[in-house]
Amino acid sequence: MKVQRIFTLMLVFFGLSTATVVASSIWGNYEGFSIARLSINDETQEFSDSDVPPLIVNGKTMLPLRSLTKSLEAMVKWDNTNKTVSIYKPNVHMIVASSIDNEFNITGPFSVVKKGGSHSFVILAQVDNLSTSISSVRVSIESPSGQEVGTFVPDKKPSGSSFWLPALFNGVSFDEYGNYKVKFEMQLDDSSGYVVVSEKQILSN
């Protein structure tokens, strides 16, 4: 089996009853194994044709680790030399506010804006329990239709297992009704992409 397939097939085991094994076959089969359906917070997770779906093997449900960690807003690293998978889940808390001073005193925290307005504000992120080194972080804002309307990348990457990061946004337009996603993303190394490790929302109404 190829290395990429091995990595994709790194799985988490959960014990389920025999009745569940029988019922899971209604979702089809993958390479001879029954497919299970995965739901997180009542949202069914979809998998592309290139993904390995949740499987039932010998009466156990096996979940694809990369897809699971993405849904749980965690980072995953595969060490092929040592055949070791590592999961990192830092604690990230974000506050959206009108302004913040040098001592991190917050003025005018908010979570709702008027649709059609243009706003300047700061997002203060508190990060701790980061147990690995990272290459970069960024904070981005995504509209309800999926368009990126603002991005902040610090000039110097934060270091250490805990830090505060104020992200300043100027003139962000909220032209759509609905929830705008505020995403805090981390990049493990220069060869990997950004991974969302925390998310909150700003409602535009």
C-alpha atoms as a PDB file:
ATOM      1  CA  MET A   1       0.000   0.000   0.000  1.00  0.00           C
ATOM      2  CA  LYS A   2       1.384   3.431  -0.921  1.00  0.00           C
ATOM      3  CA  VAL A   3       2.553   5.836   1.782  1.00  0.00           C
ATOM      4  CA  GLN A   4      -0.165   8.366   0.903  1.00  0.00           C
ATOM      5  CA  ARG A   5      -2.847   5.696   1.244  1.00  0.00           C
ATOM      6  CA  ILE A   6      -1.372   4.623   4.577  1.00  0.00           C
ATOM      7  CA  PHE A   7      -1.468   8.222   5.816  1.00  0.00           C
ATOM      8  CA  THR A   8      -5.014   8.764   4.605  1.00  0.00           C
ATOM      9  CA  LEU A   9      -6.068   5.526   6.246  1.00  0.00           C
ATOM     10  CA  MET A  10      -4.705   6.411   9.704  1.00  0.00           C
ATOM     11  CA  LEU A  11      -7.834   5.795  11.759  1.00  0.00           C
ATOM     12  CA  VAL A  12      -9.383   6.212  15.175  1.00  0.00           C
ATOM     13  CA  PHE A  13     -11.169   3.139  16.602  1.00  0.00           C
ATOM     14  CA  PHE A  14     -14.551   3.146  18.295  1.00  0.00           C
ATOM     15  CA  GLY A  15     -16.390   0.050  19.543  1.00  0.00           C
ATOM     16  CA  LEU A  16     -19.931  -0.318  18.248  1.00  0.00           C
ATOM     17  CA  SER A  17     -22.550  -3.026  18.571  1.00  0.00           C
ATOM     18  CA  THR A  18     -23.225  -5.741  16.010  1.00  0.00           C
ATOM     19  CA  ALA A  19     -26.550  -4.060  15.163  1.00  0.00           C
ATOM     20  CA  THR A  20     -24.678  -0.907  14.145  1.00  0.00           C
ATOM     21  CA  VAL A  21     -22.358  -2.935  11.914  1.00  0.00           C
ATOM     22  CA  VAL A  22     -25.309  -4.378  10.013  1.00  0.00           C
ATOM     23  CA  ALA A  23     -27.083  -1.024   9.665  1.00  0.00           C
ATOM     24  CA  SER A  24     -23.957   0.790   8.444  1.00  0.00           C
ATOM     25  CA  SER A  25     -23.883  -1.238   5.203  1.00  0.00           C
ATOM     26  CA  ILE A  26     -26.741   0.923   3.832  1.00  0.00           C
ATOM     27  CA  TRP A  27     -24.131   3.599   2.998  1.00  0.00           C
ATOM     28  CA  GLY A  28     -22.297   1.289   0.605  1.00  0.00           C
ATOM     29  CA  ASN A  29     -18.904  -0.383   0.616  1.00  0.00           C
ATOM     30  CA  TYR A  30     -15.279   0.649   0.178  1.00  0.00           C
ATOM     31  CA  GLU A  31     -12.700  -1.979  -0.831  1.00  0.00           C
ATOM     32  CA  GLY A  32     -14.792  -4.702   0.753  1.00  0.00           C
ATOM     33  CA  PHE A  33     -15.639  -2.874   4.007  1.00  0.00           C
ATOM     34  CA  SER A  34     -18.993  -1.376   4.993  1.00  0.00           C
ATOM     35  CA  ILE A  35     -19.110   2.435   5.038  1.00  0.00           C
ATOM     36  CA  ALA A  36     -20.343   4.271   8.140  1.00  0.00           C
ATOM     37  CA  ARG A  37     -21.768   7.791   8.207  1.00  0.00           C
ATOM     38  CA  LEU A  38     -20.011  10.389  10.358  1.00  0.00           C
ATOM     39  CA  SER A  39     -21.927  13.266  11.987  1.00  0.00           C
ATOM     40  CA  ILE A  40     -20.302  15.997  14.106  1.00  0.00           C
ATOM     41  CA  ASN A  41     -22.602  18.393  15.976  1.00  0.00           C
ATOM     42  CA  ASP A  42     -25.493  16.983  13.923  1.00  0.00           C
ATOM     43  CA  GLU A  43     -23.759  17.902  10.668  1.00  0.00           C
ATOM     44  CA  THR A  44     -23.094  15.001   8.299  1.00  0.00           C
ATOM     45  CA  GLN A  45     -19.496  14.975   7.085  1.00  0.00           C
ATOM     46  CA  GLU A  46     -19.020  14.589   3.346  1.00  0.00           C
ATOM     47  CA  PHE A  47     -16.033  12.828   1.795  1.00  0.00           C
ATOM     48  CA  SER A  48     -14.691  13.161  -1.736  1.00  0.00           C
ATOM     49  CA  ASP A  49     -13.895  10.201  -3.979  1.00  0.00           C
ATOM     50  CA  SER A  50     -10.207  10.563  -3.089  1.00  0.00           C
ATOM     51  CA  ASP A  51     -10.890  10.266   0.667  1.00  0.00           C
ATOM     52  CA  VAL A  52     -11.151   7.077   2.659  1.00  0.00           C
ATOM     53  CA  PRO A  53     -14.624   7.181   4.288  1.00  0.00           C
ATOM     54  CA  PRO A  54     -15.473   5.928   7.786  1.00  0.00           C
ATOM     55  CA  LEU A  55     -15.344   2.129   7.684  1.00  0.00           C
ATOM     56  CA  ILE A  56     -16.554  -0.801   9.744  1.00  0.00           C
ATOM     57  CA  VAL A  57     -13.754  -3.336  10.170  1.00  0.00           C
ATOM     58  CA  ASN A  58     -14.134  -6.426  12.357  1.00  0.00           C
ATOM     59  CA  GLY A  59     -17.044  -4.860  14.239  1.00  0.00           C
ATOM     60  CA  LYS A  60     -15.202  -1.601  14.911  1.00  0.00           C
ATOM     61  CA  THR A  61     -15.870   1.795  13.359  1.00  0.00           C
ATOM     62  CA  MET A  62     -12.718   3.373  11.938  1.00  0.00           C
ATOM     63  CA  LEU A  63     -12.638   7.119  11.224  1.00  0.00           C
ATOM     64  CA  PRO A  64     -10.237   8.883   8.803  1.00  0.00           C
ATOM     65  CA  LEU A  65      -7.967  10.894  11.056  1.00  0.00           C
ATOM     66  CA  ARG A  66      -7.247  13.852   8.785  1.00  0.00           C
ATOM     67  CA  SER A  67     -10.932  14.512   8.121  1.00  0.00           C
ATOM     68  CA  LEU A  68     -11.775  14.097  11.799  1.00  0.00           C
ATOM     69  CA  THR A  69      -9.081  16.497  13.020  1.00  0.00           C
ATOM     70  CA  LYS A  70     -10.188  19.074  10.451  1.00  0.00           C
ATOM     71  CA  SER A  71     -13.748  18.908  11.779  1.00  0.00           C
ATOM     72  CA  LEU A  72     -12.468  19.218  15.358  1.00  0.00           C
ATOM     73  CA  GLU A  73     -10.181  22.155  14.420  1.00  0.00           C
ATOM     74  CA  ALA A  74      -6.924  20.385  15.216  1.00  0.00           C
ATOM     75  CA  MET A  75      -3.643  19.970  13.342  1.00  0.00           C
ATOM     76  CA  VAL A  76      -2.229  16.593  12.320  1.00  0.00           C
ATOM     77  CA  LYS A  77       1.337  15.665  11.353  1.00  0.00           C
ATOM     78  CA  TRP A  78       2.510  12.375   9.876  1.00  0.00           C
ATOM     79  CA  ASP A  79       6.117  11.240  10.496  1.00  0.00           C
ATOM     80  CA  ASN A  80       6.699   8.617   7.828  1.00  0.00           C
ATOM     81  CA  THR A  81      10.161   7.684   9.098  1.00  0.00           C
ATOM     82  CA  ASN A  82       8.917   6.756  12.559  1.00  0.00           C
ATOM     83  CA  LYS A  83       5.396   5.828  11.399  1.00  0.00           C
ATOM     84  CA  THR A  84       3.952   8.233  13.964  1.00  0.00           C
ATOM     85  CA  VAL A  85       0.930  10.504  13.724  1.00  0.00           C
ATOM     86  CA  SER A  86       0.773  13.560  16.000  1.00  0.00           C
ATOM     87  CA  ILE A  87      -2.322  15.657  16.731  1.00  0.00           C
ATOM     88  CA  TYR A  88      -2.075  19.209  18.079  1.00  0.00           C
ATOM     89  CA  LYS A  89      -5.087  21.070  19.463  1.00  0.00           C
ATOM     90  CA  PRO A  90      -4.143  24.466  20.944  1.00  0.00           C
ATOM     91  CA  ASN A  91      -6.630  26.494  22.982  1.00  0.00           C
ATOM     92  CA  VAL A  92      -7.586  29.629  21.036  1.00  0.00           C
ATOM     93  CA  HIS A  93     -10.058  32.239  22.287  1.00  0.00           C
ATOM     94  CA  MET A  94     -11.014  35.245  20.142  1.00  0.00           C
ATOM     95  CA  ILE A  95     -12.746  38.509  21.001  1.00  0.00           C
ATOM     96  CA  VAL A  96     -13.923  41.029  18.388  1.00  0.00           C
ATOM     97  CA  ALA A  97     -13.783  44.618  19.665  1.00  0.00           C
ATOM     98  CA  SER A  98     -13.768  48.213  18.468  1.00  0.00           C
ATOM     99  CA  SER A  99     -10.283  48.833  19.837  1.00  0.00           C
ATOM    100  CA  ILE A 100      -7.596  47.548  22.182  1.00  0.00           C
ATOM    101  CA  ASP A 101      -4.683  49.300  23.890  1.00  0.00           C
ATOM    102  CA  ASN A 102      -1.090  48.180  24.462  1.00  0.00           C
ATOM    103  CA  GLU A 103      -2.058  46.481  27.706  1.00  0.00           C
ATOM    104  CA  PHE A 104      -4.793  44.476  25.970  1.00  0.00           C
ATOM    105  CA  ASN A 105      -7.643  46.455  27.512  1.00  0.00           C
ATOM    106  CA  ILE A 106     -10.682  45.982  25.270  1.00  0.00           C
ATOM    107  CA  THR A 107     -13.195  48.640  24.242  1.00  0.00           C
ATOM    108  CA  GLY A 108     -16.545  47.894  22.623  1.00  0.00           C
ATOM    109  CA  PRO A 109     -16.648  44.112  22.168  1.00  0.00           C
ATOM    110  CA  PHE A 110     -19.314  43.067  19.658  1.00  0.00           C
ATOM    111  CA  SER A 111     -20.617  40.127  17.646  1.00  0.00           C
ATOM    112  CA  VAL A 112     -23.325  41.795  15.508  1.00  0.00           C
ATOM    113  CA  VAL A 113     -22.987  44.451  12.770  1.00  0.00           C
ATOM    114  CA  LYS A 114     -25.423  46.213  10.469  1.00  0.00           C
ATOM    115  CA  LYS A 115     -25.524  44.822   6.963  1.00  0.00           C
ATOM    116  CA  GLY A 116     -24.039  47.122   4.335  1.00  0.00           C
ATOM    117  CA  GLY A 117     -21.676  48.892   6.718  1.00  0.00           C
ATOM    118  CA  SER A 118     -17.903  49.133   6.627  1.00  0.00           C
ATOM    119  CA  HIS A 119     -16.142  48.524   9.929  1.00  0.00           C
ATOM    120  CA  SER A 120     -12.658  48.796  11.375  1.00  0.00           C
ATOM    121  CA  PHE A 121     -11.960  46.663  14.429  1.00  0.00           C
ATOM    122  CA  VAL A 122      -9.474  44.397  16.168  1.00  0.00           C
ATOM    123  CA  ILE A 123      -9.639  40.684  16.858  1.00  0.00           C
ATOM    124  CA  LEU A 124      -7.753  39.689  19.985  1.00  0.00           C
ATOM    125  CA  ALA A 125      -6.669  36.050  20.085  1.00  0.00           C
ATOM    126  CA  GLN A 126      -5.407  34.358  23.228  1.00  0.00           C
ATOM    127  CA  VAL A 127      -3.508  31.144  22.494  1.00  0.00           C
ATOM    128  CA  ASP A 128      -2.194  28.547  24.938  1.00  0.00           C
ATOM    129  CA  ASN A 129      -1.413  24.818  25.079  1.00  0.00           C
ATOM    130  CA  LEU A 130       0.472  24.997  21.769  1.00  0.00           C
ATOM    131  CA  SER A 131       2.805  22.025  22.123  1.00  0.00           C
ATOM    132  CA  THR A 132       4.568  22.226  18.754  1.00  0.00           C
ATOM    133  CA  SER A 133       6.461  24.801  16.741  1.00  0.00           C
ATOM    134  CA  ILE A 134       4.598  26.497  13.903  1.00  0.00           C
ATOM    135  CA  SER A 135       5.610  28.299  10.749  1.00  0.00           C
ATOM    136  CA  SER A 136       2.911  30.980  10.609  1.00  0.00           C
ATOM    137  CA  VAL A 137      -0.503  32.100  11.812  1.00  0.00           C
ATOM    138  CA  ARG A 138      -3.207  34.173  10.194  1.00  0.00           C
ATOM    139  CA  VAL A 139      -6.678  35.488  10.973  1.00  0.00           C
ATOM    140  CA  SER A 140      -9.209  35.630   8.155  1.00  0.00           C
ATOM    141  CA  ILE A 141     -12.841  36.686   7.735  1.00  0.00           C
ATOM    142  CA  GLU A 142     -15.129  34.822   5.342  1.00  0.00           C
ATOM    143  CA  SER A 143     -18.512  36.060   4.135  1.00  0.00           C
ATOM    144  CA  PRO A 144     -21.679  33.889   4.223  1.00  0.00           C
ATOM    145  CA  SER A 145     -21.157  33.168   0.504  1.00  0.00           C
ATOM    146  CA  GLY A 146     -17.606  31.950   1.131  1.00  0.00           C
ATOM    147  CA  GLN A 147     -15.677  35.025  -0.030  1.00  0.00           C
ATOM    148  CA  GLU A 148     -12.626  36.101   1.968  1.00  0.00           C
ATOM    149  CA  VAL A 149     -13.184  39.746   2.923  1.00  0.00           C
ATOM    150  CA  GLY A 150     -10.226  40.286   5.250  1.00  0.00           C
ATOM    151  CA  THR A 151      -6.917  38.648   6.195  1.00  0.00           C
ATOM    152  CA  PHE A 152      -4.304  39.439   8.821  1.00  0.00           C
ATOM    153  CA  VAL A 153      -0.836  37.868   8.955  1.00  0.00           C
ATOM    154  CA  PRO A 154       1.565  39.195  11.634  1.00  0.00           C
ATOM    155  CA  ASP A 155       4.973  40.479  10.503  1.00  0.00           C
ATOM    156  CA  LYS A 156       6.648  38.181  13.023  1.00  0.00           C
ATOM    157  CA  LYS A 157       5.370  34.713  13.803  1.00  0.00           C
ATOM    158  CA  PRO A 158       4.377  34.198  17.459  1.00  0.00           C
ATOM    159  CA  SER A 159       6.589  31.893  19.501  1.00  0.00           C
ATOM    160  CA  GLY A 160       6.145  29.827  22.625  1.00  0.00           C
ATOM    161  CA  SER A 161       3.331  27.651  23.897  1.00  0.00           C
ATOM    162  CA  SER A 162       1.133  30.653  24.765  1.00  0.00           C
ATOM    163  CA  PHE A 163       0.770  34.174  23.371  1.00  0.00           C
ATOM    164  CA  TRP A 164      -1.650  37.035  22.679  1.00  0.00           C
ATOM    165  CA  LEU A 165      -2.197  38.264  19.127  1.00  0.00           C
ATOM    166  CA  PRO A 166      -4.119  41.437  18.226  1.00  0.00           C
ATOM    167  CA  ALA A 167      -5.218  41.436  14.565  1.00  0.00           C
ATOM    168  CA  LEU A 168      -6.257  44.806  13.138  1.00  0.00           C
ATOM    169  CA  PHE A 169      -8.817  44.984  10.315  1.00  0.00           C
ATOM    170  CA  ASN A 170      -9.545  48.241   8.490  1.00  0.00           C
ATOM    171  CA  GLY A 171     -12.667  48.954   6.454  1.00  0.00           C
ATOM    172  CA  VAL A 172     -14.160  45.465   6.248  1.00  0.00           C
ATOM    173  CA  SER A 173     -17.446  45.582   4.312  1.00  0.00           C
ATOM    174  CA  PHE A 174     -20.363  43.468   5.524  1.00  0.00           C
ATOM    175  CA  ASP A 175     -22.468  43.436   2.352  1.00  0.00           C
ATOM    176  CA  GLU A 176     -24.326  40.176   2.964  1.00  0.00           C
ATOM    177  CA  TYR A 177     -26.869  39.007   5.471  1.00  0.00           C
ATOM    178  CA  GLY A 178     -25.819  36.125   7.671  1.00  0.00           C
ATOM    179  CA  ASN A 179     -22.851  34.861   9.655  1.00  0.00           C
ATOM    180  CA  TYR A 180     -19.330  35.932   8.767  1.00  0.00           C
ATOM    181  CA  LYS A 181     -16.720  33.389   9.889  1.00  0.00           C
ATOM    182  CA  VAL A 182     -13.700  34.627  11.826  1.00  0.00           C
ATOM    183  CA  LYS A 183     -11.034  31.950  11.424  1.00  0.00           C
ATOM    184  CA  PHE A 184      -7.769  31.598  13.333  1.00  0.00           C
ATOM    185  CA  GLU A 185      -5.390  29.464  11.281  1.00  0.00           C
ATOM    186  CA  MET A 186      -1.977  27.910  11.902  1.00  0.00           C
ATOM    187  CA  GLN A 187       0.633  26.499   9.537  1.00  0.00           C
ATOM    188  CA  LEU A 188       2.854  23.740  10.899  1.00  0.00           C
ATOM    189  CA  ASP A 189       5.627  24.207   8.323  1.00  0.00           C
ATOM    190  CA  ASP A 190       6.272  25.969   5.019  1.00  0.00           C
ATOM    191  CA  SER A 191       5.284  22.890   3.003  1.00  0.00           C
ATOM    192  CA  SER A 192       1.846  22.497   4.587  1.00  0.00           C
ATOM    193  CA  GLY A 193      -1.297  24.567   4.275  1.00  0.00           C
ATOM    194  CA  TYR A 194      -3.088  26.614   6.915  1.00  0.00           C
ATOM    195  CA  VAL A 195      -5.396  24.734   9.270  1.00  0.00           C
ATOM    196  CA  VAL A 196      -8.327  26.342  11.115  1.00  0.00           C
ATOM    197  CA  VAL A 197      -7.824  25.821  14.862  1.00  0.00           C
ATOM    198  CA  SER A 198     -10.562  28.163  16.093  1.00  0.00           C
ATOM    199  CA  GLU A 199     -13.608  29.849  14.615  1.00  0.00           C
ATOM    200  CA  LYS A 200     -16.248  32.327  15.724  1.00  0.00           C
ATOM    201  CA  GLN A 201     -18.910  34.373  13.948  1.00  0.00           C
ATOM    202  CA  ILE A 202     -19.981  37.943  13.366  1.00  0.00           C
ATOM    203  CA  LEU A 203     -23.660  38.271  12.487  1.00  0.00           C
ATOM    204  CA  SER A 204     -24.586  40.778   9.774  1.00  0.00           C
ATOM    205  CA  ASN A 205     -28.265  41.756   9.849  1.00  0.00           C
END
